[in-house]
PDB file of N, CA and C in Angstrom:
ATOM      1  N   MET A   1     -32.991-167.354  30.110  1.00  0.00           N
ATOM      2  CA  MET A   1     -33.511-167.500  28.767  1.00  0.00           C
ATOM      3  C   MET A   1     -32.358-167.357  27.776  1.00  0.00           C
ATOM      4  N   ILE A   2     -32.286-168.224  26.818  1.00  0.00           N
ATOM      5  CA  ILE A   2     -31.263-168.143  25.779  1.00  0.00           C
ATOM      6  C   ILE A   2     -31.744-167.147  24.732  1.00  0.00           C
ATOM      7  N   THR A   3     -30.922-166.117  24.470  1.00  0.00           N
ATOM      8  CA  THR A   3     -31.292-165.120  23.466  1.00  0.00           C
ATOM      9  C   THR A   3     -30.531-165.304  22.170  1.00  0.00           C
ATOM     10  N   LEU A   4     -29.418-165.996  22.216  1.00  0.00           N
ATOM     11  CA  LEU A   4     -28.623-166.238  21.016  1.00  0.00           C
ATOM     12  C   LEU A   4     -27.801-167.492  21.241  1.00  0.00           C
ATOM     13  N   LEU A   5     -27.785-168.362  20.259  1.00  0.00           N
ATOM     14  CA  LEU A   5     -26.947-169.554  20.306  1.00  0.00           C
ATOM     15  C   LEU A   5     -26.075-169.521  19.070  1.00  0.00           C
ATOM     16  N   ARG A   6     -24.780-169.595  19.269  1.00  0.00           N
ATOM     17  CA  ARG A   6     -23.848-169.487  18.151  1.00  0.00           C
ATOM     18  C   ARG A   6     -22.817-170.601  18.264  1.00  0.00           C
ATOM     19  N   VAL A   7     -22.571-171.295  17.165  1.00  0.00           N
ATOM     20  CA  VAL A   7     -21.538-172.318  17.107  1.00  0.00           C
ATOM     21  C   VAL A   7     -20.379-171.721  16.317  1.00  0.00           C
ATOM     22  N   ASP A   8     -19.221-171.647  16.960  1.00  0.00           N
ATOM     23  CA  ASP A   8     -18.085-170.970  16.337  1.00  0.00           C
ATOM     24  C   ASP A   8     -16.797-171.580  16.876  1.00  0.00           C
ATOM     25  N   HIS A   9     -15.945-172.040  16.006  1.00  0.00           N
ATOM     26  CA  HIS A   9     -14.689-172.669  16.437  1.00  0.00           C
ATOM     27  C   HIS A   9     -13.738-171.695  17.125  1.00  0.00           C
ATOM     28  N   ARG A  10     -13.980-170.389  16.976  1.00  0.00           N
ATOM     29  CA  ARG A  10     -13.099-169.391  17.598  1.00  0.00           C
ATOM     30  C   ARG A  10     -13.425-169.174  19.069  1.00  0.00           C
ATOM     31  N   LEU A  11     -14.475-169.791  19.571  1.00  0.00           N
ATOM     32  CA  LEU A  11     -14.913-169.730  20.964  1.00  0.00           C
ATOM     33  C   LEU A  11     -15.443-168.354  21.341  1.00  0.00           C
ATOM     34  N   LEU A  12     -14.602-167.339  21.394  1.00  0.00           N
ATOM     35  CA  LEU A  12     -15.060-165.990  21.723  1.00  0.00           C
ATOM     36  C   LEU A  12     -14.122-165.006  21.054  1.00  0.00           C
ATOM     37  N   HIS A  13     -14.699-164.033  20.384  1.00  0.00           N
ATOM     38  CA  HIS A  13     -13.892-163.007  19.736  1.00  0.00           C
ATOM     39  C   HIS A  13     -14.643-161.689  19.833  1.00  0.00           C
ATOM     40  N   GLY A  14     -14.006-160.620  19.446  1.00  0.00           N
ATOM     41  CA  GLY A  14     -14.536-159.276  19.649  1.00  0.00           C
ATOM     42  C   GLY A  14     -15.937-159.037  19.141  1.00  0.00           C
ATOM     43  N   GLN A  15     -16.266-159.521  17.943  1.00  0.00           N
ATOM     44  CA  GLN A  15     -17.595-159.272  17.380  1.00  0.00           C
ATOM     45  C   GLN A  15     -18.681-159.868  18.260  1.00  0.00           C
ATOM     46  N   VAL A  16     -18.491-161.082  18.698  1.00  0.00           N
ATOM     47  CA  VAL A  16     -19.480-161.718  19.569  1.00  0.00           C
ATOM     48  C   VAL A  16     -19.446-161.090  20.953  1.00  0.00           C
ATOM     49  N   ALA A  17     -18.263-160.940  21.491  1.00  0.00           N
ATOM     50  CA  ALA A  17     -18.123-160.467  22.867  1.00  0.00           C
ATOM     51  C   ALA A  17     -18.733-159.090  23.071  1.00  0.00           C
ATOM     52  N   PHE A  18     -18.538-158.197  22.152  1.00  0.00           N
ATOM     53  CA  PHE A  18     -19.014-156.833  22.360  1.00  0.00           C
ATOM     54  C   PHE A  18     -20.252-156.502  21.527  1.00  0.00           C
ATOM     55  N   SER A  19     -20.219-156.753  20.223  1.00  0.00           N
ATOM     56  CA  SER A  19     -21.347-156.368  19.369  1.00  0.00           C
ATOM     57  C   SER A  19     -22.604-157.179  19.652  1.00  0.00           C
ATOM     58  N   TRP A  20     -22.490-158.505  19.600  1.00  0.00           N
ATOM     59  CA  TRP A  20     -23.675-159.340  19.767  1.00  0.00           C
ATOM     60  C   TRP A  20     -24.229-159.302  21.186  1.00  0.00           C
ATOM     61  N   THR A  21     -23.369-159.317  22.191  1.00  0.00           N
ATOM     62  CA  THR A  21     -23.895-159.283  23.559  1.00  0.00           C
ATOM     63  C   THR A  21     -24.653-157.993  23.816  1.00  0.00           C
ATOM     64  N   GLN A  22     -24.143-156.891  23.291  1.00  0.00           N
ATOM     65  CA  GLN A  22     -24.845-155.617  23.457  1.00  0.00           C
ATOM     66  C   GLN A  22     -26.149-155.616  22.658  1.00  0.00           C
ATOM     67  N   TYR A  23     -26.108-156.113  21.422  1.00  0.00           N
ATOM     68  CA  TYR A  23     -27.284-156.100  20.549  1.00  0.00           C
ATOM     69  C   TYR A  23     -28.434-156.927  21.125  1.00  0.00           C
ATOM     70  N   VAL A  24     -28.139-158.101  21.662  1.00  0.00           N
ATOM     71  CA  VAL A  24     -29.201-158.971  22.185  1.00  0.00           C
ATOM     72  C   VAL A  24     -29.425-158.789  23.683  1.00  0.00           C
ATOM     73  N   GLY A  25     -28.610-157.970  24.324  1.00  0.00           N
ATOM     74  CA  GLY A  25     -28.766-157.732  25.756  1.00  0.00           C
ATOM     75  C   GLY A  25     -28.345-158.913  26.609  1.00  0.00           C
ATOM     76  N   ALA A  26     -27.376-159.672  26.134  1.00  0.00           N
ATOM     77  CA  ALA A  26     -26.923-160.857  26.872  1.00  0.00           C
ATOM     78  C   ALA A  26     -26.163-160.454  28.127  1.00  0.00           C
ATOM     79  N   ASP A  27     -26.387-161.203  29.208  1.00  0.00           N
ATOM     80  CA  ASP A  27     -25.644-160.945  30.442  1.00  0.00           C
ATOM     81  C   ASP A  27     -24.725-162.110  30.807  1.00  0.00           C
ATOM     82  N   CYS A  28     -24.715-163.148  29.954  1.00  0.00           N
ATOM     83  CA  CYS A  28     -23.880-164.317  30.217  1.00  0.00           C
ATOM     84  C   CYS A  28     -23.470-164.952  28.885  1.00  0.00           C
ATOM     85  N   ILE A  29     -22.222-165.367  28.812  1.00  0.00           N
ATOM     86  CA  ILE A  29     -21.715-166.118  27.664  1.00  0.00           C
ATOM     87  C   ILE A  29     -21.289-167.484  28.186  1.00  0.00           C
ATOM     88  N   LEU A  30     -21.800-168.535  27.548  1.00  0.00           N
ATOM     89  CA  LEU A  30     -21.427-169.904  27.904  1.00  0.00           C
ATOM     90  C   LEU A  30     -20.564-170.462  26.781  1.00  0.00           C
ATOM     91  N   ILE A  31     -19.373-170.894  27.123  1.00  0.00           N
ATOM     92  CA  ILE A  31     -18.493-171.544  26.158  1.00  0.00           C
ATOM     93  C   ILE A  31     -18.464-173.025  26.493  1.00  0.00           C
ATOM     94  N   ALA A  32     -18.835-173.844  25.510  1.00  0.00           N
ATOM     95  CA  ALA A  32     -18.850-175.295  25.675  1.00  0.00           C
ATOM     96  C   ALA A  32     -17.720-175.880  24.841  1.00  0.00           C
ATOM     97  N   ASN A  33     -16.742-176.462  25.514  1.00  0.00           N
ATOM     98  CA  ASN A  33     -15.577-177.009  24.832  1.00  0.00           C
ATOM     99  C   ASN A  33     -14.919-178.010  25.778  1.00  0.00           C
ATOM    100  N   ASP A  34     -14.497-179.131  25.250  1.00  0.00           N
ATOM    101  CA  ASP A  34     -13.912-180.153  26.118  1.00  0.00           C
ATOM    102  C   ASP A  34     -12.454-179.892  26.497  1.00  0.00           C
ATOM    103  N   ASN A  35     -11.782-178.975  25.830  1.00  0.00           N
ATOM    104  CA  ASN A  35     -10.373-178.715  26.132  1.00  0.00           C
ATOM    105  C   ASN A  35     -10.151-177.477  26.996  1.00  0.00           C
ATOM    106  N   VAL A  36     -10.913-176.440  26.764  1.00  0.00           N
ATOM    107  CA  VAL A  36     -10.674-175.156  27.435  1.00  0.00           C
ATOM    108  C   VAL A  36     -10.810-175.217  28.956  1.00  0.00           C
ATOM    109  N   PRO A  37     -11.783-175.924  29.528  1.00  0.00           N
ATOM    110  CA  PRO A  37     -11.906-175.907  30.994  1.00  0.00           C
ATOM    111  C   PRO A  37     -10.644-176.360  31.731  1.00  0.00           C
ATOM    112  N   GLU A  38      -9.808-177.141  31.095  1.00  0.00           N
ATOM    113  CA  GLU A  38      -8.585-177.640  31.729  1.00  0.00           C
ATOM    114  C   GLU A  38      -7.351-176.822  31.351  1.00  0.00           C
ATOM    115  N   ASP A  39      -7.512-175.810  30.514  1.00  0.00           N
ATOM    116  CA  ASP A  39      -6.380-175.029  30.010  1.00  0.00           C
ATOM    117  C   ASP A  39      -6.440-173.614  30.586  1.00  0.00           C
ATOM    118  N   GLU A  40      -5.681-173.365  31.637  1.00  0.00           N
ATOM    119  CA  GLU A  40      -5.738-172.076  32.342  1.00  0.00           C
ATOM    120  C   GLU A  40      -5.355-170.905  31.442  1.00  0.00           C
ATOM    121  N   LEU A  41      -4.392-171.082  30.563  1.00  0.00           N
ATOM    122  CA  LEU A  41      -3.983-169.998  29.675  1.00  0.00           C
ATOM    123  C   LEU A  41      -5.109-169.615  28.718  1.00  0.00           C
ATOM    124  N   ARG A  42      -5.742-170.603  28.116  1.00  0.00           N
ATOM    125  CA  ARG A  42      -6.857-170.311  27.197  1.00  0.00           C
ATOM    126  C   ARG A  42      -8.026-169.682  27.945  1.00  0.00           C
ATOM    127  N   LYS A  43      -8.323-170.168  29.149  1.00  0.00           N
ATOM    128  CA  LYS A  43      -9.413-169.572  29.934  1.00  0.00           C
ATOM    129  C   LYS A  43      -9.121-168.107  30.237  1.00  0.00           C
ATOM    130  N   THR A  44      -7.897-167.814  30.636  1.00  0.00           N
ATOM    131  CA  THR A  44      -7.529-166.434  30.946  1.00  0.00           C
ATOM    132  C   THR A  44      -7.644-165.551  29.714  1.00  0.00           C
ATOM    133  N   THR A  45      -7.178-166.040  28.579  1.00  0.00           N
ATOM    134  CA  THR A  45      -7.256-165.281  27.332  1.00  0.00           C
ATOM    135  C   THR A  45      -8.706-164.999  26.952  1.00  0.00           C
ATOM    136  N   ILE A  46      -9.558-165.993  27.076  1.00  0.00           N
ATOM    137  CA  ILE A  46     -10.973-165.820  26.746  1.00  0.00           C
ATOM    138  C   ILE A  46     -11.627-164.826  27.701  1.00  0.00           C
ATOM    139  N   LYS A  47     -11.298-164.899  28.972  1.00  0.00           N
ATOM    140  CA  LYS A  47     -11.866-163.965  29.953  1.00  0.00           C
ATOM    141  C   LYS A  47     -11.519-162.524  29.614  1.00  0.00           C
ATOM    142  N   LEU A  48     -10.338-162.296  29.061  1.00  0.00           N
ATOM    143  CA  LEU A  48      -9.929-160.944  28.684  1.00  0.00           C
ATOM    144  C   LEU A  48     -10.720-160.413  27.487  1.00  0.00           C
ATOM    145  N   ALA A  49     -11.343-161.303  26.718  1.00  0.00           N
ATOM    146  CA  ALA A  49     -12.060-160.904  25.509  1.00  0.00           C
ATOM    147  C   ALA A  49     -13.519-160.540  25.753  1.00  0.00           C
ATOM    148  N   LYS A  50     -13.995-160.676  26.975  1.00  0.00           N
ATOM    149  CA  LYS A  50     -15.413-160.423  27.240  1.00  0.00           C
ATOM    150  C   LYS A  50     -15.611-159.043  27.866  1.00  0.00           C
ATOM    151  N   PRO A  51     -16.797-158.470  27.676  1.00  0.00           N
ATOM    152  CA  PRO A  51     -17.102-157.205  28.347  1.00  0.00           C
ATOM    153  C   PRO A  51     -17.153-157.411  29.865  1.00  0.00           C
ATOM    154  N   PRO A  52     -16.747-156.420  30.649  1.00  0.00           N
ATOM    155  CA  PRO A  52     -16.727-156.571  32.106  1.00  0.00           C
ATOM    156  C   PRO A  52     -18.095-156.872  32.725  1.00  0.00           C
ATOM    157  N   SER A  53     -19.153-156.415  32.097  1.00  0.00           N
ATOM    158  CA  SER A  53     -20.490-156.587  32.672  1.00  0.00           C
ATOM    159  C   SER A  53     -21.137-157.928  32.313  1.00  0.00           C
ATOM    160  N   VAL A  54     -20.457-158.744  31.529  1.00  0.00           N
ATOM    161  CA  VAL A  54     -21.028-160.012  31.060  1.00  0.00           C
ATOM    162  C   VAL A  54     -20.364-161.174  31.792  1.00  0.00           C
ATOM    163  N   LYS A  55     -21.190-162.049  32.358  1.00  0.00           N
ATOM    164  CA  LYS A  55     -20.692-163.245  33.042  1.00  0.00           C
ATOM    165  C   LYS A  55     -20.184-164.233  31.993  1.00  0.00           C
ATOM    166  N   LEU A  56     -19.085-164.891  32.292  1.00  0.00           N
ATOM    167  CA  LEU A  56     -18.524-165.896  31.400  1.00  0.00           C
ATOM    168  C   LEU A  56     -18.498-167.238  32.113  1.00  0.00           C
ATOM    169  N   VAL A  57     -19.069-168.249  31.473  1.00  0.00           N
ATOM    170  CA  VAL A  57     -19.074-169.605  32.011  1.00  0.00           C
ATOM    171  C   VAL A  57     -18.396-170.502  30.980  1.00  0.00           C
ATOM    172  N   ILE A  58     -17.411-171.260  31.430  1.00  0.00           N
ATOM    173  CA  ILE A  58     -16.696-172.183  30.551  1.00  0.00           C
ATOM    174  C   ILE A  58     -16.884-173.590  31.107  1.00  0.00           C
ATOM    175  N   LYS A  59     -17.480-174.460  30.294  1.00  0.00           N
ATOM    176  CA  LYS A  59     -17.772-175.829  30.739  1.00  0.00           C
ATOM    177  C   LYS A  59     -17.398-176.817  29.643  1.00  0.00           C
ATOM    178  N   ASN A  60     -17.208-178.063  30.042  1.00  0.00           N
ATOM    179  CA  ASN A  60     -17.060-179.082  29.011  1.00  0.00           C
ATOM    180  C   ASN A  60     -18.435-179.277  28.364  1.00  0.00           C
ATOM    181  N   ILE A  61     -18.458-179.944  27.242  1.00  0.00           N
ATOM    182  CA  ILE A  61     -19.691-180.025  26.456  1.00  0.00           C
ATOM    183  C   ILE A  61     -20.824-180.693  27.230  1.00  0.00           C
ATOM    184  N   ASN A  62     -20.562-181.802  27.898  1.00  0.00           N
ATOM    185  CA  ASN A  62     -21.632-182.486  28.636  1.00  0.00           C
ATOM    186  C   ASN A  62     -22.189-181.631  29.766  1.00  0.00           C
ATOM    187  N   ASP A  63     -21.315-180.954  30.503  1.00  0.00           N
ATOM    188  CA  ASP A  63     -21.786-180.085  31.587  1.00  0.00           C
ATOM    189  C   ASP A  63     -22.572-178.894  31.040  1.00  0.00           C
ATOM    190  N   ALA A  64     -22.148-178.376  29.900  1.00  0.00           N
ATOM    191  CA  ALA A  64     -22.874-177.265  29.282  1.00  0.00           C
ATOM    192  C   ALA A  64     -24.279-177.700  28.865  1.00  0.00           C
ATOM    193  N   ILE A  65     -24.383-178.885  28.304  1.00  0.00           N
ATOM    194  CA  ILE A  65     -25.697-179.412  27.909  1.00  0.00           C
ATOM    195  C   ILE A  65     -26.600-179.536  29.129  1.00  0.00           C
ATOM    196  N   GLU A  66     -26.074-180.077  30.210  1.00  0.00           N
ATOM    197  CA  GLU A  66     -26.874-180.223  31.433  1.00  0.00           C
ATOM    198  C   GLU A  66     -27.291-178.861  31.990  1.00  0.00           C
ATOM    199  N   SER A  67     -26.405-177.878  31.941  1.00  0.00           N
ATOM    200  CA  SER A  67     -26.754-176.534  32.415  1.00  0.00           C
ATOM    201  C   SER A  67     -27.880-175.932  31.586  1.00  0.00           C
ATOM    202  N   ILE A  68     -27.790-176.093  30.277  1.00  0.00           N
ATOM    203  CA  ILE A  68     -28.829-175.551  29.394  1.00  0.00           C
ATOM    204  C   ILE A  68     -30.155-176.259  29.652  1.00  0.00           C
ATOM    205  N   LYS A  69     -30.125-177.583  29.763  1.00  0.00           N
ATOM    206  CA  LYS A  69     -31.358-178.338  30.000  1.00  0.00           C
ATOM    207  C   LYS A  69     -32.008-177.977  31.332  1.00  0.00           C
ATOM    208  N   SER A  70     -31.192-177.673  32.331  1.00  0.00           N
ATOM    209  CA  SER A  70     -31.740-177.377  33.657  1.00  0.00           C
ATOM    210  C   SER A  70     -32.073-175.900  33.843  1.00  0.00           C
ATOM    211  N   GLY A  71     -31.635-175.060  32.896  1.00  0.00           N
ATOM    212  CA  GLY A  71     -31.908-173.631  33.009  1.00  0.00           C
ATOM    213  C   GLY A  71     -30.906-172.880  33.853  1.00  0.00           C
ATOM    214  N   ARG A  72     -29.834-173.540  34.285  1.00  0.00           N
ATOM    215  CA  ARG A  72     -28.791-172.871  35.076  1.00  0.00           C
ATOM    216  C   ARG A  72     -27.840-172.135  34.144  1.00  0.00           C
ATOM    217  N   ASP A  73     -27.253-171.053  34.643  1.00  0.00           N
ATOM    218  CA  ASP A  73     -26.281-170.327  33.822  1.00  0.00           C
ATOM    219  C   ASP A  73     -24.868-170.422  34.382  1.00  0.00           C
ATOM    220  N   GLY A  74     -24.650-171.272  35.312  1.00  0.00           N
ATOM    221  CA  GLY A  74     -23.305-171.330  35.882  1.00  0.00           C
ATOM    222  C   GLY A  74     -22.957-172.628  36.466  1.00  0.00           C
TER     223      GLY A  74
END
């Protein structure tokens, strides 16, 4: 179930990663971006910004749309 949907050019930052995930009880963050899935440095940096207990999924935009439509989180 989607509990929060946020469009933000910063992809993931401290306020979302820690405050919002805790507030809404999120257990997964999905980042939809066409450049990040192919950029290992950016993926690693984003992974460091998330809480350890929260799953992080990084997909290109089309794959993210299909995941949301199908109800999959990964």
